[in-house]
Amino acid sequence: MTRLPARASSRRRKFTLGTLAVTLAALLTACSGVDAQQSLNRAVNLAGLNVVTDQRYGPDARNTLDVYAPRNVQNAPVVLFIHGGSWQNGDKSGHRFVGESLARAGYVTGVMNYRLAPKNRYPDFVQDAASALRWLRDNAKTFGGNPDVLFVTGHSAGAFNAVEAVDNERWLREAGVPIRAVRGVIGIAGPYSYDFRQFQSRVAFPENGTPDGVMPDRHVRRDAPPHLLLVAANDRTVHPQNALNMEAALKAAGVPVTRTVLPRVNHITIAAAIARPLTFLGGTRQAMIDFIERHK
């Protein structure tokens, strides 16, 4: 193995620490989510992973995903991650840290883009989640994944997409994904139960729509897989009642569910804590791994 000169190694450490410091400051102040993601991505090392980008799962320009996989694995769990952004913003390129983190944990991980509002409204982005999951299942063995051990997760609006895509019996069926292949769902700070008509995010939903027609907590099928709902203790963006209502709906349907409130984190840092360099922020990554290992 080639060793870096001590001076070069020191410079690399200083760069990484400096990058993380900038990232942490941006995350804690929430002044620029894009800048924070870019800084965090620069601190992520993909060496030793099998990474392929811009794999097309549908006809729209936004219907692409990136795959991060450990090398030389067989029958590994397959995880689909869906970014947030009020259904109007966000991009998979800002979440390389998620793909790297979950791949290092041993999982074949897809990080997807989806069609955005206001041009595309519900259920377009939910259908995209189901279609991306179908692509991952069809191609899982190529990357060493098990097509019948699937998990779906997302942050904020992406958590809505993940939960709705799996819990509403319509979407997996229409996409051709066997329901028994999905072993679990992880929602991270998701808006699963709110009256969108009172918020700017109403542009993501049908003009004459109602919460009963679109909210995941109204659509739970009784044979849905186990759920983990992660809540940020300091979330000022998504009210904790969303997770409480979602938990109640799942329990009423007899679906196993764990709702975990993570201390210290806010709406942004609960997702940032998935990154391996930032696990000190909170327990998001470990909670996800524990859940996947328990249900794989």
C-alpha atoms as a PDB file:
ATOM      1  CA  MET A   1       0.000   0.000   0.000  1.00  0.00           C
ATOM      2  CA  THR A   2       1.326   3.444  -0.935  1.00  0.00           C
ATOM      3  CA  ARG A   3       1.698   5.771   2.028  1.00  0.00           C
ATOM      4  CA  LEU A   4       1.033   9.469   1.738  1.00  0.00           C
ATOM      5  CA  PRO A   5       3.821  11.742   2.913  1.00  0.00           C
ATOM      6  CA  ALA A   6       3.133  13.012   6.412  1.00  0.00           C
ATOM      7  CA  ARG A   7       2.647  16.566   5.137  1.00  0.00           C
ATOM      8  CA  ALA A   8       0.116  15.466   2.482  1.00  0.00           C
ATOM      9  CA  SER A   9      -1.724  13.314   4.994  1.00  0.00           C
ATOM     10  CA  SER A  10      -1.900  16.264   7.373  1.00  0.00           C
ATOM     11  CA  ARG A  11      -3.278  18.503   4.633  1.00  0.00           C
ATOM     12  CA  ARG A  12      -5.958  15.929   3.816  1.00  0.00           C
ATOM     13  CA  ARG A  13      -7.006  15.701   7.461  1.00  0.00           C
ATOM     14  CA  LYS A  14      -7.142  19.492   7.735  1.00  0.00           C
ATOM     15  CA  PHE A  15      -9.246  19.692   4.552  1.00  0.00           C
ATOM     16  CA  THR A  16     -11.680  17.080   5.829  1.00  0.00           C
ATOM     17  CA  LEU A  17     -12.000  18.703   9.241  1.00  0.00           C
ATOM     18  CA  GLY A  18     -12.413  22.126   7.662  1.00  0.00           C
ATOM     19  CA  THR A  19     -15.056  20.837   5.284  1.00  0.00           C
ATOM     20  CA  LEU A  20     -16.957  19.211   8.126  1.00  0.00           C
ATOM     21  CA  ALA A  21     -16.777  22.395  10.176  1.00  0.00           C
ATOM     22  CA  VAL A  22     -18.263  24.421   7.312  1.00  0.00           C
ATOM     23  CA  THR A  23     -20.909  21.757   6.762  1.00  0.00           C
ATOM     24  CA  LEU A  24     -21.859  21.623  10.401  1.00  0.00           C
ATOM     25  CA  ALA A  25     -22.155  25.395  10.643  1.00  0.00           C
ATOM     26  CA  ALA A  26     -24.410  25.517   7.584  1.00  0.00           C
ATOM     27  CA  LEU A  27     -26.542  22.651   8.863  1.00  0.00           C
ATOM     28  CA  LEU A  28     -26.996  24.105  12.320  1.00  0.00           C
ATOM     29  CA  THR A  29     -27.987  27.503  10.983  1.00  0.00           C
ATOM     30  CA  ALA A  30     -29.930  25.993   8.059  1.00  0.00           C
ATOM     31  CA  CYS A  31     -28.799  28.991   6.022  1.00  0.00           C
ATOM     32  CA  SER A  32     -27.960  27.027   2.876  1.00  0.00           C
ATOM     33  CA  GLY A  33     -28.993  23.416   2.551  1.00  0.00           C
ATOM     34  CA  VAL A  34     -27.418  23.128  -0.907  1.00  0.00           C
ATOM     35  CA  ASP A  35     -24.065  24.499   0.288  1.00  0.00           C
ATOM     36  CA  ALA A  36     -24.130  22.147   3.261  1.00  0.00           C
ATOM     37  CA  GLN A  37     -24.819  19.138   1.057  1.00  0.00           C
ATOM     38  CA  GLN A  38     -22.024  20.055  -1.329  1.00  0.00           C
ATOM     39  CA  SER A  39     -19.573  20.486   1.532  1.00  0.00           C
ATOM     40  CA  LEU A  40     -20.607  17.193   3.062  1.00  0.00           C
ATOM     41  CA  ASN A  41     -20.336  15.389  -0.256  1.00  0.00           C
ATOM     42  CA  ARG A  42     -16.755  16.679  -0.636  1.00  0.00           C
ATOM     43  CA  ALA A  43     -15.900  14.973   2.654  1.00  0.00           C
ATOM     44  CA  VAL A  44     -17.292  11.620   1.471  1.00  0.00           C
ATOM     45  CA  ASN A  45     -14.860   9.072   0.049  1.00  0.00           C
ATOM     46  CA  LEU A  46     -16.321   6.574  -2.426  1.00  0.00           C
ATOM     47  CA  ALA A  47     -13.163   4.482  -2.717  1.00  0.00           C
ATOM     48  CA  GLY A  48     -13.880   0.768  -2.612  1.00  0.00           C
ATOM     49  CA  LEU A  49     -17.545   1.106  -3.571  1.00  0.00           C
ATOM     50  CA  ASN A  50     -19.282   0.233  -6.816  1.00  0.00           C
ATOM     51  CA  VAL A  51     -20.996   3.449  -7.907  1.00  0.00           C
ATOM     52  CA  VAL A  52     -23.063   3.980 -11.056  1.00  0.00           C
ATOM     53  CA  THR A  53     -24.958   7.195 -11.720  1.00  0.00           C
ATOM     54  CA  ASP A  54     -27.935   8.370 -13.752  1.00  0.00           C
ATOM     55  CA  GLN A  55     -29.597   5.023 -14.253  1.00  0.00           C
ATOM     56  CA  ARG A  56     -32.915   5.585 -16.002  1.00  0.00           C
ATOM     57  CA  TYR A  57     -36.012   4.030 -14.417  1.00  0.00           C
ATOM     58  CA  GLY A  58     -38.653   5.957 -16.391  1.00  0.00           C
ATOM     59  CA  PRO A  59     -39.226   8.245 -19.393  1.00  0.00           C
ATOM     60  CA  ASP A  60     -38.976  11.676 -17.719  1.00  0.00           C
ATOM     61  CA  ALA A  61     -35.670  13.541 -17.492  1.00  0.00           C
ATOM     62  CA  ARG A  62     -35.960  13.361 -13.680  1.00  0.00           C
ATOM     63  CA  ASN A  63     -36.512   9.586 -13.703  1.00  0.00           C
ATOM     64  CA  THR A  64     -32.943   8.658 -12.799  1.00  0.00           C
ATOM     65  CA  LEU A  65     -31.178   7.165  -9.814  1.00  0.00           C
ATOM     66  CA  ASP A  66     -27.642   6.536  -8.593  1.00  0.00           C
ATOM     67  CA  VAL A  67     -26.568   3.205  -7.122  1.00  0.00           C
ATOM     68  CA  TYR A  68     -23.972   2.788  -4.366  1.00  0.00           C
ATOM     69  CA  ALA A  69     -22.997  -0.774  -3.529  1.00  0.00           C
ATOM     70  CA  PRO A  70     -20.325  -2.605  -1.569  1.00  0.00           C
ATOM     71  CA  ARG A  71     -18.014  -4.618  -3.764  1.00  0.00           C
ATOM     72  CA  ASN A  72     -18.202  -8.410  -3.841  1.00  0.00           C
ATOM     73  CA  VAL A  73     -21.446  -8.731  -1.872  1.00  0.00           C
ATOM     74  CA  GLN A  74     -24.170 -11.295  -2.414  1.00  0.00           C
ATOM     75  CA  ASN A  75     -27.814 -11.164  -1.362  1.00  0.00           C
ATOM     76  CA  ALA A  76     -27.347  -7.816   0.380  1.00  0.00           C
ATOM     77  CA  PRO A  77     -30.428  -5.808   1.447  1.00  0.00           C
ATOM     78  CA  VAL A  78     -31.487  -3.213  -1.130  1.00  0.00           C
ATOM     79  CA  VAL A  79     -32.419   0.294   0.063  1.00  0.00           C
ATOM     80  CA  LEU A  80     -34.102   3.089  -1.900  1.00  0.00           C
ATOM     81  CA  PHE A  81     -33.582   6.624  -0.553  1.00  0.00           C
ATOM     82  CA  ILE A  82     -35.833   9.536  -1.584  1.00  0.00           C
ATOM     83  CA  HIS A  83     -34.735  13.154  -1.029  1.00  0.00           C
ATOM     84  CA  GLY A  84     -36.874  15.942   0.411  1.00  0.00           C
ATOM     85  CA  GLY A  85     -37.492  19.503  -0.731  1.00  0.00           C
ATOM     86  CA  SER A  86     -41.241  20.165  -0.378  1.00  0.00           C
ATOM     87  CA  TRP A  87     -41.770  18.119  -3.589  1.00  0.00           C
ATOM     88  CA  GLN A  88     -40.469  21.182  -5.466  1.00  0.00           C
ATOM     89  CA  ASN A  89     -36.698  21.103  -4.947  1.00  0.00           C
ATOM     90  CA  GLY A  90     -33.824  18.762  -4.244  1.00  0.00           C
ATOM     91  CA  ASP A  91     -31.663  16.400  -6.207  1.00  0.00           C
ATOM     92  CA  LYS A  92     -29.997  13.037  -5.729  1.00  0.00           C
ATOM     93  CA  SER A  93     -26.616  14.635  -6.378  1.00  0.00           C
ATOM     94  CA  GLY A  94     -26.863  16.354  -2.997  1.00  0.00           C
ATOM     95  CA  HIS A  95     -27.259  13.038  -1.194  1.00  0.00           C
ATOM     96  CA  ARG A  96     -24.132  11.165  -2.151  1.00  0.00           C
ATOM     97  CA  PHE A  97     -23.398  11.024   1.582  1.00  0.00           C
ATOM     98  CA  VAL A  98     -26.509   8.873   2.073  1.00  0.00           C
ATOM     99  CA  GLY A  99     -25.522   6.399  -0.637  1.00  0.00           C
ATOM    100  CA  GLU A 100     -21.983   6.139   0.703  1.00  0.00           C
ATOM    101  CA  SER A 101     -23.101   5.713   4.300  1.00  0.00           C
ATOM    102  CA  LEU A 102     -25.611   2.939   3.623  1.00  0.00           C
ATOM    103  CA  ALA A 103     -23.302   1.175   1.177  1.00  0.00           C
ATOM    104  CA  ARG A 104     -20.575   1.113   3.843  1.00  0.00           C
ATOM    105  CA  ALA A 105     -23.136  -0.546   6.103  1.00  0.00           C
ATOM    106  CA  GLY A 106     -23.412  -3.363   3.549  1.00  0.00           C
ATOM    107  CA  TYR A 107     -26.485  -2.352   1.568  1.00  0.00           C
ATOM    108  CA  VAL A 108     -27.067  -1.874  -2.142  1.00  0.00           C
ATOM    109  CA  THR A 109     -28.456   1.658  -2.109  1.00  0.00           C
ATOM    110  CA  GLY A 110     -30.360   3.607  -4.724  1.00  0.00           C
ATOM    111  CA  VAL A 111     -30.649   7.397  -4.391  1.00  0.00           C
ATOM    112  CA  MET A 112     -33.355   8.667  -6.712  1.00  0.00           C
ATOM    113  CA  ASN A 113     -34.659  11.789  -8.409  1.00  0.00           C
ATOM    114  CA  TYR A 114     -38.361  12.245  -9.062  1.00  0.00           C
ATOM    115  CA  ARG A 115     -40.637  14.602 -10.954  1.00  0.00           C
ATOM    116  CA  LEU A 116     -41.137  17.906  -9.142  1.00  0.00           C
ATOM    117  CA  ALA A 117     -44.088  20.201  -8.474  1.00  0.00           C
ATOM    118  CA  PRO A 118     -45.740  22.415  -9.478  1.00  0.00           C
ATOM    119  CA  LYS A 119     -45.407  20.934 -12.961  1.00  0.00           C
ATOM    120  CA  ASN A 120     -45.935  17.465 -11.527  1.00  0.00           C
ATOM    121  CA  ARG A 121     -48.426  16.942  -8.719  1.00  0.00           C
ATOM    122  CA  TYR A 122     -49.448  14.000  -6.584  1.00  0.00           C
ATOM    123  CA  PRO A 123     -49.382  11.133  -7.406  1.00  0.00           C
ATOM    124  CA  ASP A 124     -46.601  11.629  -9.990  1.00  0.00           C
ATOM    125  CA  PHE A 125     -43.751  11.623  -7.476  1.00  0.00           C
ATOM    126  CA  VAL A 126     -45.218   8.657  -5.592  1.00  0.00           C
ATOM    127  CA  GLN A 127     -45.509   6.682  -8.808  1.00  0.00           C
ATOM    128  CA  ASP A 128     -41.865   7.557  -9.484  1.00  0.00           C
ATOM    129  CA  ALA A 129     -40.877   6.057  -6.130  1.00  0.00           C
ATOM    130  CA  ALA A 130     -42.650   2.811  -6.987  1.00  0.00           C
ATOM    131  CA  SER A 131     -41.075   2.739 -10.454  1.00  0.00           C
ATOM    132  CA  ALA A 132     -37.593   3.341  -9.047  1.00  0.00           C
ATOM    133  CA  LEU A 133     -38.130   0.514  -6.595  1.00  0.00           C
ATOM    134  CA  ARG A 134     -39.141  -1.745  -9.478  1.00  0.00           C
ATOM    135  CA  TRP A 135     -35.900  -0.822 -11.302  1.00  0.00           C
ATOM    136  CA  LEU A 136     -33.832  -1.544  -8.200  1.00  0.00           C
ATOM    137  CA  ARG A 137     -35.540  -4.906  -7.753  1.00  0.00           C
ATOM    138  CA  ASP A 138     -35.028  -5.836 -11.409  1.00  0.00           C
ATOM    139  CA  ASN A 139     -31.329  -4.903 -11.241  1.00  0.00           C
ATOM    140  CA  ALA A 140     -30.527  -5.862  -7.656  1.00  0.00           C
ATOM    141  CA  LYS A 141     -28.540  -8.984  -8.516  1.00  0.00           C
ATOM    142  CA  THR A 142     -26.271  -6.977 -10.825  1.00  0.00           C
ATOM    143  CA  PHE A 143     -24.981  -5.151  -7.748  1.00  0.00           C
ATOM    144  CA  GLY A 144     -25.047  -8.097  -5.343  1.00  0.00           C
ATOM    145  CA  GLY A 145     -28.435  -7.251  -3.853  1.00  0.00           C
ATOM    146  CA  ASN A 146     -31.346  -9.479  -2.925  1.00  0.00           C
ATOM    147  CA  PRO A 147     -34.421  -8.463  -4.979  1.00  0.00           C
ATOM    148  CA  ASP A 148     -36.731  -9.796  -2.293  1.00  0.00           C
ATOM    149  CA  VAL A 149     -35.196  -7.831   0.580  1.00  0.00           C
ATOM    150  CA  LEU A 150     -36.164  -4.255  -0.203  1.00  0.00           C
ATOM    151  CA  PHE A 151     -36.370  -1.227   2.089  1.00  0.00           C
ATOM    152  CA  VAL A 152     -37.687   2.227   1.239  1.00  0.00           C
ATOM    153  CA  THR A 153     -36.664   5.370   3.099  1.00  0.00           C
ATOM    154  CA  GLY A 154     -36.805   9.116   2.621  1.00  0.00           C
ATOM    155  CA  HIS A 155     -36.420  12.473   4.325  1.00  0.00           C
ATOM    156  CA  SER A 156     -39.203  15.065   4.683  1.00  0.00           C
ATOM    157  CA  ALA A 157     -41.213  15.092   1.420  1.00  0.00           C
ATOM    158  CA  GLY A 158     -39.230  12.003   0.457  1.00  0.00           C
ATOM    159  CA  ALA A 159     -40.517  10.261   3.584  1.00  0.00           C
ATOM    160  CA  PHE A 160     -44.064  11.027   2.444  1.00  0.00           C
ATOM    161  CA  ASN A 161     -43.245   9.480  -0.937  1.00  0.00           C
ATOM    162  CA  ALA A 162     -41.706   6.400   0.662  1.00  0.00           C
ATOM    163  CA  VAL A 163     -44.576   5.727   3.048  1.00  0.00           C
ATOM    164  CA  GLU A 164     -47.332   6.455   0.536  1.00  0.00           C
ATOM    165  CA  ALA A 165     -45.685   4.335  -2.180  1.00  0.00           C
ATOM    166  CA  VAL A 166     -45.594   1.298   0.093  1.00  0.00           C
ATOM    167  CA  ASP A 167     -48.690   1.717   2.275  1.00  0.00           C
ATOM    168  CA  ASN A 168     -51.206   2.531  -0.437  1.00  0.00           C
ATOM    169  CA  GLU A 169     -51.808  -0.849  -2.064  1.00  0.00           C
ATOM    170  CA  ARG A 170     -52.240   0.774  -5.474  1.00  0.00           C
ATOM    171  CA  TRP A 171     -48.716   1.975  -6.206  1.00  0.00           C
ATOM    172  CA  LEU A 172     -46.610  -1.179  -5.802  1.00  0.00           C
ATOM    173  CA  ARG A 173     -49.222  -3.205  -7.641  1.00  0.00           C
ATOM    174  CA  GLU A 174     -49.241  -0.812 -10.589  1.00  0.00           C
ATOM    175  CA  ALA A 175     -45.425  -0.769 -10.685  1.00  0.00           C
ATOM    176  CA  GLY A 176     -45.199  -4.556 -10.567  1.00  0.00           C
ATOM    177  CA  VAL A 177     -43.380  -4.800  -7.244  1.00  0.00           C
ATOM    178  CA  PRO A 178     -44.439  -7.817  -5.137  1.00  0.00           C
ATOM    179  CA  ILE A 179     -45.627  -6.466  -1.803  1.00  0.00           C
ATOM    180  CA  ARG A 180     -43.827  -9.196   0.124  1.00  0.00           C
ATOM    181  CA  ALA A 181     -40.488  -8.091  -1.349  1.00  0.00           C
ATOM    182  CA  VAL A 182     -40.608  -4.873   0.696  1.00  0.00           C
ATOM    183  CA  ARG A 183     -39.399  -5.699   4.201  1.00  0.00           C
ATOM    184  CA  GLY A 184     -39.652  -2.261   5.776  1.00  0.00           C
ATOM    185  CA  VAL A 185     -40.137   1.494   5.485  1.00  0.00           C
ATOM    186  CA  ILE A 186     -38.131   4.211   7.245  1.00  0.00           C
ATOM    187  CA  GLY A 187     -39.651   7.677   7.345  1.00  0.00           C
ATOM    188  CA  ILE A 188     -37.362  10.520   8.431  1.00  0.00           C
ATOM    189  CA  ALA A 189     -39.165  13.702   9.543  1.00  0.00           C
ATOM    190  CA  GLY A 190     -42.031  13.090   7.158  1.00  0.00           C
ATOM    191  CA  PRO A 191     -45.245  15.120   6.650  1.00  0.00           C
ATOM    192  CA  TYR A 192     -47.632  12.163   6.584  1.00  0.00           C
ATOM    193  CA  SER A 193     -50.755  13.827   7.980  1.00  0.00           C
ATOM    194  CA  TYR A 194     -51.442  17.521   7.452  1.00  0.00           C
ATOM    195  CA  ASP A 195     -53.800  19.843   5.593  1.00  0.00           C
ATOM    196  CA  PHE A 196     -51.638  20.860   2.677  1.00  0.00           C
ATOM    197  CA  ARG A 197     -54.247  23.409   1.574  1.00  0.00           C
ATOM    198  CA  GLN A 198     -53.015  25.770   4.275  1.00  0.00           C
ATOM    199  CA  PHE A 199     -49.374  25.743   3.145  1.00  0.00           C
ATOM    200  CA  GLN A 200     -47.260  26.694   0.151  1.00  0.00           C
ATOM    201  CA  SER A 201     -46.722  22.977  -0.507  1.00  0.00           C
ATOM    202  CA  ARG A 202     -50.320  22.830  -1.758  1.00  0.00           C
ATOM    203  CA  VAL A 203     -48.855  23.266  -5.259  1.00  0.00           C
ATOM    204  CA  ALA A 204     -47.662  19.653  -5.016  1.00  0.00           C
ATOM    205  CA  PHE A 205     -51.197  18.286  -4.712  1.00  0.00           C
ATOM    206  CA  PRO A 206     -54.365  18.306  -6.845  1.00  0.00           C
ATOM    207  CA  GLU A 207     -56.058  21.708  -6.925  1.00  0.00           C
ATOM    208  CA  ASN A 208     -59.322  20.304  -5.593  1.00  0.00           C
ATOM    209  CA  GLY A 209     -57.668  17.605  -3.483  1.00  0.00           C
ATOM    210  CA  THR A 210     -58.211  16.930   0.201  1.00  0.00           C
ATOM    211  CA  PRO A 211     -55.994  15.373   2.876  1.00  0.00           C
ATOM    212  CA  ASP A 212     -58.179  12.258   2.851  1.00  0.00           C
ATOM    213  CA  GLY A 213     -57.310  11.766  -0.793  1.00  0.00           C
ATOM    214  CA  VAL A 214     -53.547  12.059  -0.525  1.00  0.00           C
ATOM    215  CA  MET A 215     -52.175  11.688   3.017  1.00  0.00           C
ATOM    216  CA  PRO A 216     -50.417   8.372   3.767  1.00  0.00           C
ATOM    217  CA  ASP A 217     -52.053   7.974   7.173  1.00  0.00           C
ATOM    218  CA  ARG A 218     -55.403   7.591   5.346  1.00  0.00           C
ATOM    219  CA  HIS A 219     -54.103   4.868   3.017  1.00  0.00           C
ATOM    220  CA  VAL A 220     -52.584   2.155   5.211  1.00  0.00           C
ATOM    221  CA  ARG A 221     -53.084  -1.409   4.020  1.00  0.00           C
ATOM    222  CA  ARG A 222     -53.262  -4.108   6.657  1.00  0.00           C
ATOM    223  CA  ASP A 223     -50.468  -6.168   5.116  1.00  0.00           C
ATOM    224  CA  ALA A 224     -47.959  -3.292   5.029  1.00  0.00           C
ATOM    225  CA  PRO A 225     -44.419  -4.094   6.267  1.00  0.00           C
ATOM    226  CA  PRO A 226     -42.892  -2.804   9.528  1.00  0.00           C
ATOM    227  CA  HIS A 227     -42.256   0.940   9.781  1.00  0.00           C
ATOM    228  CA  LEU A 228     -39.688   3.070  11.557  1.00  0.00           C
ATOM    229  CA  LEU A 229     -40.728   6.705  11.970  1.00  0.00           C
ATOM    230  CA  LEU A 230     -37.828   8.937  12.982  1.00  0.00           C
ATOM    231  CA  VAL A 231     -38.727  12.329  14.446  1.00  0.00           C
ATOM    232  CA  ALA A 232     -36.389  15.256  15.119  1.00  0.00           C
ATOM    233  CA  ALA A 233     -36.839  16.568  18.644  1.00  0.00           C
ATOM    234  CA  ASN A 234     -36.118  20.125  17.464  1.00  0.00           C
ATOM    235  CA  ASP A 235     -38.049  20.015  14.190  1.00  0.00           C
ATOM    236  CA  ARG A 236     -39.619  23.403  13.384  1.00  0.00           C
ATOM    237  CA  THR A 237     -40.600  22.476   9.829  1.00  0.00           C
ATOM    238  CA  VAL A 238     -42.676  19.298  10.141  1.00  0.00           C
ATOM    239  CA  HIS A 239     -44.907  19.118  13.201  1.00  0.00           C
ATOM    240  CA  PRO A 240     -44.449  15.951  15.335  1.00  0.00           C
ATOM    241  CA  GLN A 241     -48.199  15.317  15.100  1.00  0.00           C
ATOM    242  CA  ASN A 242     -47.534  13.952  11.610  1.00  0.00           C
ATOM    243  CA  ALA A 243     -45.633  10.989  13.027  1.00  0.00           C
ATOM    244  CA  LEU A 244     -48.121  10.542  15.866  1.00  0.00           C
ATOM    245  CA  ASN A 245     -51.012  10.323  13.413  1.00  0.00           C
ATOM    246  CA  MET A 246     -49.068   7.996  11.134  1.00  0.00           C
ATOM    247  CA  GLU A 247     -48.162   5.753  14.043  1.00  0.00           C
ATOM    248  CA  ALA A 248     -51.814   5.609  15.142  1.00  0.00           C
ATOM    249  CA  ALA A 249     -52.979   4.695  11.639  1.00  0.00           C
ATOM    250  CA  LEU A 250     -50.402   1.927  11.331  1.00  0.00           C
ATOM    251  CA  LYS A 251     -51.288   0.509  14.728  1.00  0.00           C
ATOM    252  CA  ALA A 252     -54.990   0.600  13.871  1.00  0.00           C
ATOM    253  CA  ALA A 253     -54.231  -1.494  10.786  1.00  0.00           C
ATOM    254  CA  GLY A 254     -52.114  -3.936  12.791  1.00  0.00           C
ATOM    255  CA  VAL A 255     -48.865  -2.895  11.112  1.00  0.00           C
ATOM    256  CA  PRO A 256     -45.700  -3.052  13.266  1.00  0.00           C
ATOM    257  CA  VAL A 257     -44.384   0.457  13.848  1.00  0.00           C
ATOM    258  CA  THR A 258     -41.706   2.129  15.940  1.00  0.00           C
ATOM    259  CA  ARG A 259     -41.735   5.896  16.409  1.00  0.00           C
ATOM    260  CA  THR A 260     -38.426   7.223  17.683  1.00  0.00           C
ATOM    261  CA  VAL A 261     -37.794  10.838  18.687  1.00  0.00           C
ATOM    262  CA  LEU A 262     -34.104  11.610  18.194  1.00  0.00           C
ATOM    263  CA  PRO A 263     -32.751  14.230  20.634  1.00  0.00           C
ATOM    264  CA  ARG A 264     -30.758  17.334  19.631  1.00  0.00           C
ATOM    265  CA  VAL A 265     -31.452  17.125  15.885  1.00  0.00           C
ATOM    266  CA  ASN A 266     -33.639  19.427  13.804  1.00  0.00           C
ATOM    267  CA  HIS A 267     -35.332  18.996  10.436  1.00  0.00           C
ATOM    268  CA  ILE A 268     -32.011  19.332   8.609  1.00  0.00           C
ATOM    269  CA  THR A 269     -29.554  17.626  10.937  1.00  0.00           C
ATOM    270  CA  ILE A 270     -31.692  14.494  11.318  1.00  0.00           C
ATOM    271  CA  ALA A 271     -30.844  13.758   7.678  1.00  0.00           C
ATOM    272  CA  ALA A 272     -27.259  15.010   7.908  1.00  0.00           C
ATOM    273  CA  ALA A 273     -26.692  12.500  10.711  1.00  0.00           C
ATOM    274  CA  ILE A 274     -26.978   9.700   8.163  1.00  0.00           C
ATOM    275  CA  ALA A 275     -23.517  10.738   6.971  1.00  0.00           C
ATOM    276  CA  ARG A 276     -20.766   8.753   8.641  1.00  0.00           C
ATOM    277  CA  PRO A 277     -18.673  11.872   9.481  1.00  0.00           C
ATOM    278  CA  LEU A 278     -21.691  13.464  11.194  1.00  0.00           C
ATOM    279  CA  THR A 279     -23.133  10.631  13.258  1.00  0.00           C
ATOM    280  CA  PHE A 280     -22.234  12.615  16.369  1.00  0.00           C
ATOM    281  CA  LEU A 281     -25.161  14.893  15.513  1.00  0.00           C
ATOM    282  CA  GLY A 282     -27.711  12.195  16.244  1.00  0.00           C
ATOM    283  CA  GLY A 283     -28.716   8.569  15.989  1.00  0.00           C
ATOM    284  CA  THR A 284     -30.309   8.500  12.530  1.00  0.00           C
ATOM    285  CA  ARG A 285     -27.803   6.208  10.839  1.00  0.00           C
ATOM    286  CA  GLN A 286     -27.652   3.660  13.640  1.00  0.00           C
ATOM    287  CA  ALA A 287     -31.438   3.576  13.980  1.00  0.00           C
ATOM    288  CA  MET A 288     -31.738   2.864  10.259  1.00  0.00           C
ATOM    289  CA  ILE A 289     -29.134   0.109  10.343  1.00  0.00           C
ATOM    290  CA  ASP A 290     -30.684  -1.521  13.405  1.00  0.00           C
ATOM    291  CA  PHE A 291     -34.097  -1.531  11.725  1.00  0.00           C
ATOM    292  CA  ILE A 292     -32.784  -3.008   8.466  1.00  0.00           C
ATOM    293  CA  GLU A 293     -30.810  -5.687  10.259  1.00  0.00           C
ATOM    294  CA  ARG A 294     -33.847  -6.622  12.325  1.00  0.00           C
ATOM    295  CA  HIS A 295     -36.149  -7.019   9.327  1.00  0.00           C
ATOM    296  CA  LYS A 296     -33.903  -8.119   6.459  1.00  0.00           C
END
